[in-house]
Amino acid sequence: MYTDDQIKNFYQNYRDSLDRQYQTGVANLDQQRANDQTSIMSNANRMGAMYSNFPQRDKIKYDAQTYQPNLVKLYQGYQTGLQKLRQNMVNYQNSIRSIQDAINELNAT
């Protein structure tokens, strides 16, 4: 049988893992954003529109249509993972209590 400390350690380690996964996803998304914005500026320079408002508009469109939705999806996945972890831990603890109650009942007879 697992001890409470082992369960707490598992919970904390799993939560830390989800957090690291989320932070890595955000870092990757930020890097992709930086790369894409560099491409926007490079393309504008090549087309002779570097100093117009077109590159800035394209950057805003990119943020609104690509970056922000992906960031939201990433955060929702993180929150879903945390909620699932909490739910599984509650179910697991309830199962342990139920088994302990059954054991205590059998020992009492």
PDB file of N, CA and C in Angstrom:
ATOM      1  N   MET A   1       0.847  -1.180   0.000  1.00  0.00           N
ATOM      2  CA  MET A   1       0.000   0.000   0.000  1.00  0.00           C
ATOM      3  C   MET A   1       0.893   1.243   0.000  1.00  0.00           C
ATOM      4  N   TYR A   2       0.456   2.270  -0.666  1.00  0.00           N
ATOM      5  CA  TYR A   2       1.229   3.501  -0.740  1.00  0.00           C
ATOM      6  C   TYR A   2       0.976   4.370   0.481  1.00  0.00           C
ATOM      7  N   THR A   3       2.018   5.050   0.927  1.00  0.00           N
ATOM      8  CA  THR A   3       1.885   5.965   2.052  1.00  0.00           C
ATOM      9  C   THR A   3       1.401   7.319   1.546  1.00  0.00           C
ATOM     10  N   ASP A   4       0.920   8.128   2.466  1.00  0.00           N
ATOM     11  CA  ASP A   4       0.459   9.471   2.091  1.00  0.00           C
ATOM     12  C   ASP A   4       1.598  10.300   1.499  1.00  0.00           C
ATOM     13  N   ASP A   5       2.806  10.128   2.031  1.00  0.00           N
ATOM     14  CA  ASP A   5       3.949  10.866   1.498  1.00  0.00           C
ATOM     15  C   ASP A   5       4.253  10.472   0.061  1.00  0.00           C
ATOM     16  N   GLN A   6       4.145   9.182  -0.236  1.00  0.00           N
ATOM     17  CA  GLN A   6       4.389   8.726  -1.604  1.00  0.00           C
ATOM     18  C   GLN A   6       3.337   9.291  -2.557  1.00  0.00           C
ATOM     19  N   ILE A   7       2.105   9.328  -2.103  1.00  0.00           N
ATOM     20  CA  ILE A   7       1.025   9.872  -2.933  1.00  0.00           C
ATOM     21  C   ILE A   7       1.241  11.363  -3.156  1.00  0.00           C
ATOM     22  N   LYS A   8       1.600  12.074  -2.101  1.00  0.00           N
ATOM     23  CA  LYS A   8       1.855  13.511  -2.232  1.00  0.00           C
ATOM     24  C   LYS A   8       3.043  13.773  -3.155  1.00  0.00           C
ATOM     25  N   ASN A   9       4.083  12.955  -3.036  1.00  0.00           N
ATOM     26  CA  ASN A   9       5.252  13.105  -3.912  1.00  0.00           C
ATOM     27  C   ASN A   9       4.877  12.850  -5.370  1.00  0.00           C
ATOM     28  N   PHE A  10       4.082  11.803  -5.596  1.00  0.00           N
ATOM     29  CA  PHE A  10       3.639  11.512  -6.958  1.00  0.00           C
ATOM     30  C   PHE A  10       2.843  12.685  -7.518  1.00  0.00           C
ATOM     31  N   TYR A  11       1.907  13.178  -6.718  1.00  0.00           N
ATOM     32  CA  TYR A  11       1.073  14.307  -7.139  1.00  0.00           C
ATOM     33  C   TYR A  11       1.938  15.517  -7.478  1.00  0.00           C
ATOM     34  N   GLN A  12       2.879  15.841  -6.599  1.00  0.00           N
ATOM     35  CA  GLN A  12       3.735  17.013  -6.815  1.00  0.00           C
ATOM     36  C   GLN A  12       4.631  16.829  -8.040  1.00  0.00           C
ATOM     37  N   ASN A  13       5.198  15.643  -8.193  1.00  0.00           N
ATOM     38  CA  ASN A  13       6.055  15.369  -9.352  1.00  0.00           C
ATOM     39  C   ASN A  13       5.271  15.455 -10.659  1.00  0.00           C
ATOM     40  N   TYR A  14       4.061  14.915 -10.656  1.00  0.00           N
ATOM     41  CA  TYR A  14       3.234  14.946 -11.856  1.00  0.00           C
ATOM     42  C   TYR A  14       2.839  16.379 -12.184  1.00  0.00           C
ATOM     43  N   ARG A  15       2.482  17.131 -11.144  1.00  0.00           N
ATOM     44  CA  ARG A  15       2.125  18.548 -11.330  1.00  0.00           C
ATOM     45  C   ARG A  15       3.323  19.333 -11.865  1.00  0.00           C
ATOM     46  N   ASP A  16       4.494  19.084 -11.308  1.00  0.00           N
ATOM     47  CA  ASP A  16       5.712  19.746 -11.799  1.00  0.00           C
ATOM     48  C   ASP A  16       5.981  19.391 -13.251  1.00  0.00           C
ATOM     49  N   SER A  17       5.736  18.143 -13.602  1.00  0.00           N
ATOM     50  CA  SER A  17       5.930  17.695 -14.973  1.00  0.00           C
ATOM     51  C   SER A  17       4.978  18.426 -15.924  1.00  0.00           C
ATOM     52  N   LEU A  18       3.717  18.558 -15.516  1.00  0.00           N
ATOM     53  CA  LEU A  18       2.761  19.309 -16.334  1.00  0.00           C
ATOM     54  C   LEU A  18       3.192  20.763 -16.485  1.00  0.00           C
ATOM     55  N   ASP A  19       3.698  21.344 -15.397  1.00  0.00           N
ATOM     56  CA  ASP A  19       4.152  22.730 -15.442  1.00  0.00           C
ATOM     57  C   ASP A  19       5.341  22.890 -16.386  1.00  0.00           C
ATOM     58  N   ARG A  20       6.305  21.973 -16.300  1.00  0.00           N
ATOM     59  CA  ARG A  20       7.463  22.031 -17.195  1.00  0.00           C
ATOM     60  C   ARG A  20       7.036  21.868 -18.652  1.00  0.00           C
ATOM     61  N   GLN A  21       6.091  20.968 -18.878  1.00  0.00           N
ATOM     62  CA  GLN A  21       5.590  20.746 -20.232  1.00  0.00           C
ATOM     63  C   GLN A  21       4.928  22.019 -20.750  1.00  0.00           C
ATOM     64  N   TYR A  22       4.145  22.675 -19.908  1.00  0.00           N
ATOM     65  CA  TYR A  22       3.489  23.926 -20.308  1.00  0.00           C
ATOM     66  C   TYR A  22       4.523  25.010 -20.587  1.00  0.00           C
ATOM     67  N   GLN A  23       5.499  25.159 -19.701  1.00  0.00           N
ATOM     68  CA  GLN A  23       6.527  26.185 -19.889  1.00  0.00           C
ATOM     69  C   GLN A  23       7.335  25.942 -21.164  1.00  0.00           C
ATOM     70  N   THR A  24       7.638  24.687 -21.444  1.00  0.00           N
ATOM     71  CA  THR A  24       8.349  24.341 -22.675  1.00  0.00           C
ATOM     72  C   THR A  24       7.505  24.678 -23.896  1.00  0.00           C
ATOM     73  N   GLY A  25       6.220  24.372 -23.818  1.00  0.00           N
ATOM     74  CA  GLY A  25       5.315  24.702 -24.920  1.00  0.00           C
ATOM     75  C   GLY A  25       5.250  26.201 -25.172  1.00  0.00           C
ATOM     76  N   VAL A  26       5.187  26.985 -24.097  1.00  0.00           N
ATOM     77  CA  VAL A  26       5.157  28.446 -24.239  1.00  0.00           C
ATOM     78  C   VAL A  26       6.467  28.942 -24.845  1.00  0.00           C
ATOM     79  N   ALA A  27       7.586  28.400 -24.382  1.00  0.00           N
ATOM     80  CA  ALA A  27       8.885  28.808 -24.928  1.00  0.00           C
ATOM     81  C   ALA A  27       8.974  28.478 -26.420  1.00  0.00           C
ATOM     82  N   ASN A  28       8.501  27.308 -26.806  1.00  0.00           N
ATOM     83  CA  ASN A  28       8.506  26.922 -28.225  1.00  0.00           C
ATOM     84  C   ASN A  28       7.601  27.840 -29.040  1.00  0.00           C
ATOM     85  N   LEU A  29       6.443  28.147 -28.484  1.00  0.00           N
ATOM     86  CA  LEU A  29       5.511  29.030 -29.171  1.00  0.00           C
ATOM     87  C   LEU A  29       6.090  30.436 -29.316  1.00  0.00           C
ATOM     88  N   ASP A  30       6.757  30.919 -28.270  1.00  0.00           N
ATOM     89  CA  ASP A  30       7.402  32.238 -28.337  1.00  0.00           C
ATOM     90  C   ASP A  30       8.517  32.256 -29.374  1.00  0.00           C
ATOM     91  N   GLN A  31       9.287  31.178 -29.444  1.00  0.00           N
ATOM     92  CA  GLN A  31      10.358  31.102 -30.443  1.00  0.00           C
ATOM     93  C   GLN A  31       9.782  31.085 -31.852  1.00  0.00           C
ATOM     94  N   GLN A  32       8.701  30.327 -32.041  1.00  0.00           N
ATOM     95  CA  GLN A  32       8.060  30.277 -33.353  1.00  0.00           C
ATOM     96  C   GLN A  32       7.520  31.656 -33.723  1.00  0.00           C
ATOM     97  N   ARG A  33       6.965  32.371 -32.747  1.00  0.00           N
ATOM     98  CA  ARG A  33       6.461  33.732 -32.985  1.00  0.00           C
ATOM     99  C   ARG A  33       7.608  34.652 -33.425  1.00  0.00           C
ATOM    100  N   ALA A  34       8.725  34.575 -32.710  1.00  0.00           N
ATOM    101  CA  ALA A  34       9.880  35.415 -33.067  1.00  0.00           C
ATOM    102  C   ALA A  34      10.362  35.092 -34.479  1.00  0.00           C
ATOM    103  N   ASN A  35      10.429  33.812 -34.820  1.00  0.00           N
ATOM    104  CA  ASN A  35      10.852  33.404 -36.167  1.00  0.00           C
ATOM    105  C   ASN A  35       9.886  33.917 -37.230  1.00  0.00           C
ATOM    106  N   ASP A  36       8.595  33.780 -36.965  1.00  0.00           N
ATOM    107  CA  ASP A  36       7.597  34.208 -37.947  1.00  0.00           C
ATOM    108  C   ASP A  36       7.581  35.725 -38.104  1.00  0.00           C
ATOM    109  N   GLN A  37       7.789  36.444 -37.008  1.00  0.00           N
ATOM    110  CA  GLN A  37       7.823  37.904 -37.119  1.00  0.00           C
ATOM    111  C   GLN A  37       9.080  38.368 -37.862  1.00  0.00           C
ATOM    112  N   THR A  38      10.170  37.648 -37.686  1.00  0.00           N
ATOM    113  CA  THR A  38      11.378  37.945 -38.462  1.00  0.00           C
ATOM    114  C   THR A  38      11.118  37.707 -39.946  1.00  0.00           C
ATOM    115  N   SER A  39      10.411  36.643 -40.254  1.00  0.00           N
ATOM    116  CA  SER A  39      10.063  36.363 -41.653  1.00  0.00           C
ATOM    117  C   SER A  39       9.163  37.452 -42.232  1.00  0.00           C
ATOM    118  N   ILE A  40       8.243  37.933 -41.430  1.00  0.00           N
ATOM    119  CA  ILE A  40       7.362  39.012 -41.882  1.00  0.00           C
ATOM    120  C   ILE A  40       8.193  40.241 -42.247  1.00  0.00           C
ATOM    121  N   MET A  41       9.120  40.592 -41.384  1.00  0.00           N
ATOM    122  CA  MET A  41       9.963  41.768 -41.645  1.00  0.00           C
ATOM    123  C   MET A  41      10.876  41.534 -42.847  1.00  0.00           C
ATOM    124  N   SER A  42      11.409  40.327 -42.958  1.00  0.00           N
ATOM    125  CA  SER A  42      12.284  40.003 -44.087  1.00  0.00           C
ATOM    126  C   SER A  42      11.519  40.084 -45.398  1.00  0.00           C
ATOM    127  N   ASN A  43      10.323  39.544 -45.415  1.00  0.00           N
ATOM    128  CA  ASN A  43       9.500  39.596 -46.628  1.00  0.00           C
ATOM    129  C   ASN A  43       9.134  41.038 -46.978  1.00  0.00           C
ATOM    130  N   ALA A  44       8.830  41.830 -45.962  1.00  0.00           N
ATOM    131  CA  ALA A  44       8.492  43.237 -46.206  1.00  0.00           C
ATOM    132  C   ALA A  44       9.697  43.977 -46.776  1.00  0.00           C
ATOM    133  N   ASN A  45      10.870  43.676 -46.251  1.00  0.00           N
ATOM    134  CA  ASN A  45      12.096  44.315 -46.741  1.00  0.00           C
ATOM    135  C   ASN A  45      12.352  43.930 -48.199  1.00  0.00           C
ATOM    136  N   ARG A  46      12.170  42.665 -48.510  1.00  0.00           N
ATOM    137  CA  ARG A  46      12.395  42.182 -49.862  1.00  0.00           C
ATOM    138  C   ARG A  46      11.420  42.807 -50.856  1.00  0.00           C
ATOM    139  N   MET A  47      10.204  43.074 -50.390  1.00  0.00           N
ATOM    140  CA  MET A  47       9.185  43.664 -51.266  1.00  0.00           C
ATOM    141  C   MET A  47       9.248  45.192 -51.268  1.00  0.00           C
ATOM    142  N   GLY A  48      10.146  45.773 -50.478  1.00  0.00           N
ATOM    143  CA  GLY A  48      10.276  47.223 -50.453  1.00  0.00           C
ATOM    144  C   GLY A  48       9.233  47.903 -49.587  1.00  0.00           C
ATOM    145  N   ALA A  49       8.630  47.155 -48.682  1.00  0.00           N
ATOM    146  CA  ALA A  49       7.573  47.714 -47.834  1.00  0.00           C
ATOM    147  C   ALA A  49       7.993  47.750 -46.370  1.00  0.00           C
ATOM    148  N   MET A  50       9.288  47.747 -46.130  1.00  0.00           N
ATOM    149  CA  MET A  50       9.811  47.665 -44.764  1.00  0.00           C
ATOM    150  C   MET A  50       9.313  48.808 -43.876  1.00  0.00           C
ATOM    151  N   TYR A  51       9.249  50.000 -44.410  1.00  0.00           N
ATOM    152  CA  TYR A  51       8.916  51.166 -43.593  1.00  0.00           C
ATOM    153  C   TYR A  51       7.449  51.577 -43.717  1.00  0.00           C
ATOM    154  N   SER A  52       6.655  50.726 -44.311  1.00  0.00           N
ATOM    155  CA  SER A  52       5.216  50.980 -44.375  1.00  0.00           C
ATOM    156  C   SER A  52       4.554  50.351 -43.148  1.00  0.00           C
ATOM    157  N   ASN A  53       3.256  50.455 -43.079  1.00  0.00           N
ATOM    158  CA  ASN A  53       2.553  49.845 -41.951  1.00  0.00           C
ATOM    159  C   ASN A  53       2.171  48.391 -42.220  1.00  0.00           C
ATOM    160  N   PHE A  54       2.493  47.862 -43.376  1.00  0.00           N
ATOM    161  CA  PHE A  54       2.136  46.482 -43.708  1.00  0.00           C
ATOM    162  C   PHE A  54       2.792  45.448 -42.792  1.00  0.00           C
ATOM    163  N   PRO A  55       4.092  45.552 -42.505  1.00  0.00           N
ATOM    164  CA  PRO A  55       4.682  44.547 -41.622  1.00  0.00           C
ATOM    165  C   PRO A  55       4.043  44.566 -40.214  1.00  0.00           C
ATOM    166  N   GLN A  56       3.767  45.771 -39.714  1.00  0.00           N
ATOM    167  CA  GLN A  56       3.151  45.858 -38.396  1.00  0.00           C
ATOM    168  C   GLN A  56       1.757  45.250 -38.403  1.00  0.00           C
ATOM    169  N   ARG A  57       1.004  45.495 -39.456  1.00  0.00           N
ATOM    170  CA  ARG A  57      -0.334  44.900 -39.573  1.00  0.00           C
ATOM    171  C   ARG A  57      -0.238  43.388 -39.665  1.00  0.00           C
ATOM    172  N   ASP A  58       0.743  42.892 -40.415  1.00  0.00           N
ATOM    173  CA  ASP A  58       0.913  41.444 -40.530  1.00  0.00           C
ATOM    174  C   ASP A  58       1.289  40.816 -39.190  1.00  0.00           C
ATOM    175  N   LYS A  59       2.100  41.515 -38.421  1.00  0.00           N
ATOM    176  CA  LYS A  59       2.468  41.010 -37.089  1.00  0.00           C
ATOM    177  C   LYS A  59       1.244  40.947 -36.183  1.00  0.00           C
ATOM    178  N   ILE A  60       0.411  41.971 -36.242  1.00  0.00           N
ATOM    179  CA  ILE A  60      -0.806  41.987 -35.419  1.00  0.00           C
ATOM    180  C   ILE A  60      -1.750  40.870 -35.847  1.00  0.00           C
ATOM    181  N   LYS A  61      -1.891  40.688 -37.164  1.00  0.00           N
ATOM    182  CA  LYS A  61      -2.736  39.593 -37.667  1.00  0.00           C
ATOM    183  C   LYS A  61      -2.189  38.244 -37.209  1.00  0.00           C
ATOM    184  N   TYR A  62      -0.884  38.084 -37.276  1.00  0.00           N
ATOM    185  CA  TYR A  62      -0.262  36.826 -36.840  1.00  0.00           C
ATOM    186  C   TYR A  62      -0.574  36.567 -35.366  1.00  0.00           C
ATOM    187  N   ASP A  63      -0.391  37.591 -34.541  1.00  0.00           N
ATOM    188  CA  ASP A  63      -0.666  37.423 -33.111  1.00  0.00           C
ATOM    189  C   ASP A  63      -2.123  37.055 -32.856  1.00  0.00           C
ATOM    190  N   ALA A  64      -3.035  37.743 -33.561  1.00  0.00           N
ATOM    191  CA  ALA A  64      -4.459  37.515 -33.337  1.00  0.00           C
ATOM    192  C   ALA A  64      -4.946  36.184 -33.903  1.00  0.00           C
ATOM    193  N   GLN A  65      -4.404  35.779 -35.038  1.00  0.00           N
ATOM    194  CA  GLN A  65      -4.914  34.585 -35.711  1.00  0.00           C
ATOM    195  C   GLN A  65      -4.148  33.314 -35.383  1.00  0.00           C
ATOM    196  N   THR A  66      -2.900  33.436 -34.979  1.00  0.00           N
ATOM    197  CA  THR A  66      -2.072  32.246 -34.777  1.00  0.00           C
ATOM    198  C   THR A  66      -1.538  32.141 -33.358  1.00  0.00           C
ATOM    199  N   TYR A  67      -0.807  33.156 -32.928  1.00  0.00           N
ATOM    200  CA  TYR A  67      -0.111  33.072 -31.639  1.00  0.00           C
ATOM    201  C   TYR A  67      -1.074  32.970 -30.456  1.00  0.00           C
ATOM    202  N   GLN A  68      -1.992  33.910 -30.346  1.00  0.00           N
ATOM    203  CA  GLN A  68      -2.905  33.918 -29.203  1.00  0.00           C
ATOM    204  C   GLN A  68      -3.785  32.657 -29.141  1.00  0.00           C
ATOM    205  N   PRO A  69      -4.394  32.215 -30.252  1.00  0.00           N
ATOM    206  CA  PRO A  69      -5.181  30.973 -30.180  1.00  0.00           C
ATOM    207  C   PRO A  69      -4.344  29.763 -29.754  1.00  0.00           C
ATOM    208  N   ASN A  70      -3.110  29.677 -30.244  1.00  0.00           N
ATOM    209  CA  ASN A  70      -2.252  28.556 -29.847  1.00  0.00           C
ATOM    210  C   ASN A  70      -1.863  28.649 -28.380  1.00  0.00           C
ATOM    211  N   LEU A  71      -1.638  29.851 -27.900  1.00  0.00           N
ATOM    212  CA  LEU A  71      -1.315  30.052 -26.495  1.00  0.00           C
ATOM    213  C   LEU A  71      -2.498  29.652 -25.611  1.00  0.00           C
ATOM    214  N   VAL A  72      -3.694  29.999 -26.040  1.00  0.00           N
ATOM    215  CA  VAL A  72      -4.900  29.626 -25.291  1.00  0.00           C
ATOM    216  C   VAL A  72      -5.069  28.112 -25.273  1.00  0.00           C
ATOM    217  N   LYS A  73      -4.865  27.459 -26.414  1.00  0.00           N
ATOM    218  CA  LYS A  73      -4.965  25.990 -26.477  1.00  0.00           C
ATOM    219  C   LYS A  73      -3.953  25.330 -25.550  1.00  0.00           C
ATOM    220  N   LEU A  74      -2.765  25.876 -25.526  1.00  0.00           N
ATOM    221  CA  LEU A  74      -1.715  25.342 -24.656  1.00  0.00           C
ATOM    222  C   LEU A  74      -2.120  25.464 -23.195  1.00  0.00           C
ATOM    223  N   TYR A  75      -2.636  26.625 -22.817  1.00  0.00           N
ATOM    224  CA  TYR A  75      -3.054  26.850 -21.432  1.00  0.00           C
ATOM    225  C   TYR A  75      -4.250  25.967 -21.066  1.00  0.00           C
ATOM    226  N   GLN A  76      -5.189  25.817 -21.993  1.00  0.00           N
ATOM    227  CA  GLN A  76      -6.342  24.960 -21.732  1.00  0.00           C
ATOM    228  C   GLN A  76      -5.907  23.510 -21.539  1.00  0.00           C
ATOM    229  N   GLY A  77      -4.952  23.066 -22.329  1.00  0.00           N
ATOM    230  CA  GLY A  77      -4.431  21.711 -22.159  1.00  0.00           C
ATOM    231  C   GLY A  77      -3.767  21.536 -20.805  1.00  0.00           C
ATOM    232  N   TYR A  78      -3.035  22.545 -20.374  1.00  0.00           N
ATOM    233  CA  TYR A  78      -2.394  22.524 -19.060  1.00  0.00           C
ATOM    234  C   TYR A  78      -3.440  22.450 -17.956  1.00  0.00           C
ATOM    235  N   GLN A  79      -4.450  23.289 -18.039  1.00  0.00           N
ATOM    236  CA  GLN A  79      -5.506  23.297 -17.024  1.00  0.00           C
ATOM    237  C   GLN A  79      -6.291  21.988 -17.023  1.00  0.00           C
ATOM    238  N   THR A  80      -6.536  21.435 -18.201  1.00  0.00           N
ATOM    239  CA  THR A  80      -7.229  20.153 -18.293  1.00  0.00           C
ATOM    240  C   THR A  80      -6.399  19.050 -17.639  1.00  0.00           C
ATOM    241  N   GLY A  81      -5.094  19.081 -17.874  1.00  0.00           N
ATOM    242  CA  GLY A  81      -4.207  18.101 -17.242  1.00  0.00           C
ATOM    243  C   GLY A  81      -4.220  18.213 -15.731  1.00  0.00           C
ATOM    244  N   LEU A  82      -4.193  19.437 -15.213  1.00  0.00           N
ATOM    245  CA  LEU A  82      -4.250  19.633 -13.758  1.00  0.00           C
ATOM    246  C   LEU A  82      -5.576  19.147 -13.190  1.00  0.00           C
ATOM    247  N   GLN A  83      -6.671  19.475 -13.871  1.00  0.00           N
ATOM    248  CA  GLN A  83      -7.983  19.046 -13.395  1.00  0.00           C
ATOM    249  C   GLN A  83      -8.101  17.527 -13.409  1.00  0.00           C
ATOM    250  N   LYS A  84      -7.604  16.913 -14.451  1.00  0.00           N
ATOM    251  CA  LYS A  84      -7.634  15.447 -14.549  1.00  0.00           C
ATOM    252  C   LYS A  84      -6.798  14.815 -13.436  1.00  0.00           C
ATOM    253  N   LEU A  85      -5.634  15.408 -13.153  1.00  0.00           N
ATOM    254  CA  LEU A  85      -4.788  14.916 -12.069  1.00  0.00           C
ATOM    255  C   LEU A  85      -5.522  15.013 -10.735  1.00  0.00           C
ATOM    256  N   ARG A  86      -6.131  16.165 -10.475  1.00  0.00           N
ATOM    257  CA  ARG A  86      -6.884  16.333  -9.221  1.00  0.00           C
ATOM    258  C   ARG A  86      -8.011  15.316  -9.121  1.00  0.00           C
ATOM    259  N   GLN A  87      -8.733  15.154 -10.205  1.00  0.00           N
ATOM    260  CA  GLN A  87      -9.855  14.218 -10.222  1.00  0.00           C
ATOM    261  C   GLN A  87      -9.377  12.787  -9.977  1.00  0.00           C
ATOM    262  N   ASN A  88      -8.302  12.394 -10.622  1.00  0.00           N
ATOM    263  CA  ASN A  88      -7.764  11.049 -10.426  1.00  0.00           C
ATOM    264  C   ASN A  88      -7.271  10.846  -9.000  1.00  0.00           C
ATOM    265  N   MET A  89      -6.659  11.876  -8.416  1.00  0.00           N
ATOM    266  CA  MET A  89      -6.171  11.758  -7.043  1.00  0.00           C
ATOM    267  C   MET A  89      -7.336  11.593  -6.069  1.00  0.00           C
ATOM    268  N   VAL A  90      -8.409  12.338  -6.265  1.00  0.00           N
ATOM    269  CA  VAL A  90      -9.585  12.210  -5.402  1.00  0.00           C
ATOM    270  C   VAL A  90     -10.187  10.814  -5.551  1.00  0.00           C
ATOM    271  N   ASN A  91     -10.312  10.343  -6.784  1.00  0.00           N
ATOM    272  CA  ASN A  91     -10.847   8.998  -7.011  1.00  0.00           C
ATOM    273  C   ASN A  91      -9.963   7.938  -6.361  1.00  0.00           C
ATOM    274  N   TYR A  92      -8.656   8.099  -6.488  1.00  0.00           N
ATOM    275  CA  TYR A  92      -7.714   7.150  -5.901  1.00  0.00           C
ATOM    276  C   TYR A  92      -7.823   7.148  -4.376  1.00  0.00           C
ATOM    277  N   GLN A  93      -7.883   8.339  -3.789  1.00  0.00           N
ATOM    278  CA  GLN A  93      -7.998   8.418  -2.333  1.00  0.00           C
ATOM    279  C   GLN A  93      -9.320   7.841  -1.841  1.00  0.00           C
ATOM    280  N   ASN A  94     -10.398   8.062  -2.597  1.00  0.00           N
ATOM    281  CA  ASN A  94     -11.687   7.469  -2.224  1.00  0.00           C
ATOM    282  C   ASN A  94     -11.639   5.951  -2.313  1.00  0.00           C
ATOM    283  N   SER A  95     -10.953   5.438  -3.318  1.00  0.00           N
ATOM    284  CA  SER A  95     -10.807   3.984  -3.450  1.00  0.00           C
ATOM    285  C   SER A  95     -10.023   3.405  -2.275  1.00  0.00           C
ATOM    286  N   ILE A  96      -8.966   4.094  -1.885  1.00  0.00           N
ATOM    287  CA  ILE A  96      -8.164   3.638  -0.743  1.00  0.00           C
ATOM    288  C   ILE A  96      -9.012   3.621   0.518  1.00  0.00           C
ATOM    289  N   ARG A  97      -9.780   4.684   0.737  1.00  0.00           N
ATOM    290  CA  ARG A  97     -10.653   4.737   1.919  1.00  0.00           C
ATOM    291  C   ARG A  97     -11.661   3.600   1.894  1.00  0.00           C
ATOM    292  N   SER A  98     -12.234   3.334   0.729  1.00  0.00           N
ATOM    293  CA  SER A  98     -13.221   2.261   0.600  1.00  0.00           C
ATOM    294  C   SER A  98     -12.592   0.906   0.914  1.00  0.00           C
ATOM    295  N   ILE A  99     -11.397   0.692   0.404  1.00  0.00           N
ATOM    296  CA  ILE A  99     -10.702  -0.574   0.675  1.00  0.00           C
ATOM    297  C   ILE A  99     -10.346  -0.677   2.154  1.00  0.00           C
ATOM    298  N   GLN A 100      -9.862   0.422   2.733  1.00  0.00           N
ATOM    299  CA  GLN A 100      -9.531   0.421   4.161  1.00  0.00           C
ATOM    300  C   GLN A 100     -10.771   0.149   5.005  1.00  0.00           C
ATOM    301  N   ASP A 101     -11.901   0.739   4.638  1.00  0.00           N
ATOM    302  CA  ASP A 101     -13.161   0.491   5.366  1.00  0.00           C
ATOM    303  C   ASP A 101     -13.547  -0.975   5.269  1.00  0.00           C
ATOM    304  N   ALA A 102     -13.400  -1.561   4.095  1.00  0.00           N
ATOM    305  CA  ALA A 102     -13.740  -2.983   3.901  1.00  0.00           C
ATOM    306  C   ALA A 102     -12.799  -3.855   4.731  1.00  0.00           C
ATOM    307  N   ILE A 103     -11.518  -3.520   4.755  1.00  0.00           N
ATOM    308  CA  ILE A 103     -10.552  -4.281   5.559  1.00  0.00           C
ATOM    309  C   ILE A 103     -10.905  -4.162   7.034  1.00  0.00           C
ATOM    310  N   ASN A 104     -11.194  -2.957   7.482  1.00  0.00           N
ATOM    311  CA  ASN A 104     -11.555  -2.750   8.900  1.00  0.00           C
ATOM    312  C   ASN A 104     -12.832  -3.506   9.249  1.00  0.00           C
ATOM    313  N   GLU A 105     -13.783  -3.539   8.338  1.00  0.00           N
ATOM    314  CA  GLU A 105     -15.027  -4.260   8.577  1.00  0.00           C
ATOM    315  C   GLU A 105     -14.771  -5.763   8.687  1.00  0.00           C
ATOM    316  N   LEU A 106     -13.911  -6.278   7.796  1.00  0.00           N
ATOM    317  CA  LEU A 106     -13.589  -7.707   7.865  1.00  0.00           C
ATOM    318  C   LEU A 106     -12.825  -8.050   9.123  1.00  0.00           C
ATOM    319  N   ASN A 107     -11.924  -7.181   9.555  1.00  0.00           N
ATOM    320  CA  ASN A 107     -11.167  -7.421  10.777  1.00  0.00           C
ATOM    321  C   ASN A 107     -12.030  -7.328  12.027  1.00  0.00           C
ATOM    322  N   ALA A 108     -13.082  -6.559  11.970  1.00  0.00           N
ATOM    323  CA  ALA A 108     -13.962  -6.391  13.126  1.00  0.00           C
ATOM    324  C   ALA A 108     -14.837  -7.617  13.353  1.00  0.00           C
ATOM    325  N   THR A 109     -15.046  -8.401  12.320  1.00  0.00           N
ATOM    326  CA  THR A 109     -15.911  -9.558  12.485  1.00  0.00           C
ATOM    327  C   THR A 109     -15.169 -10.794  12.899  1.00  0.00           C
TER     328      THR A 109
END
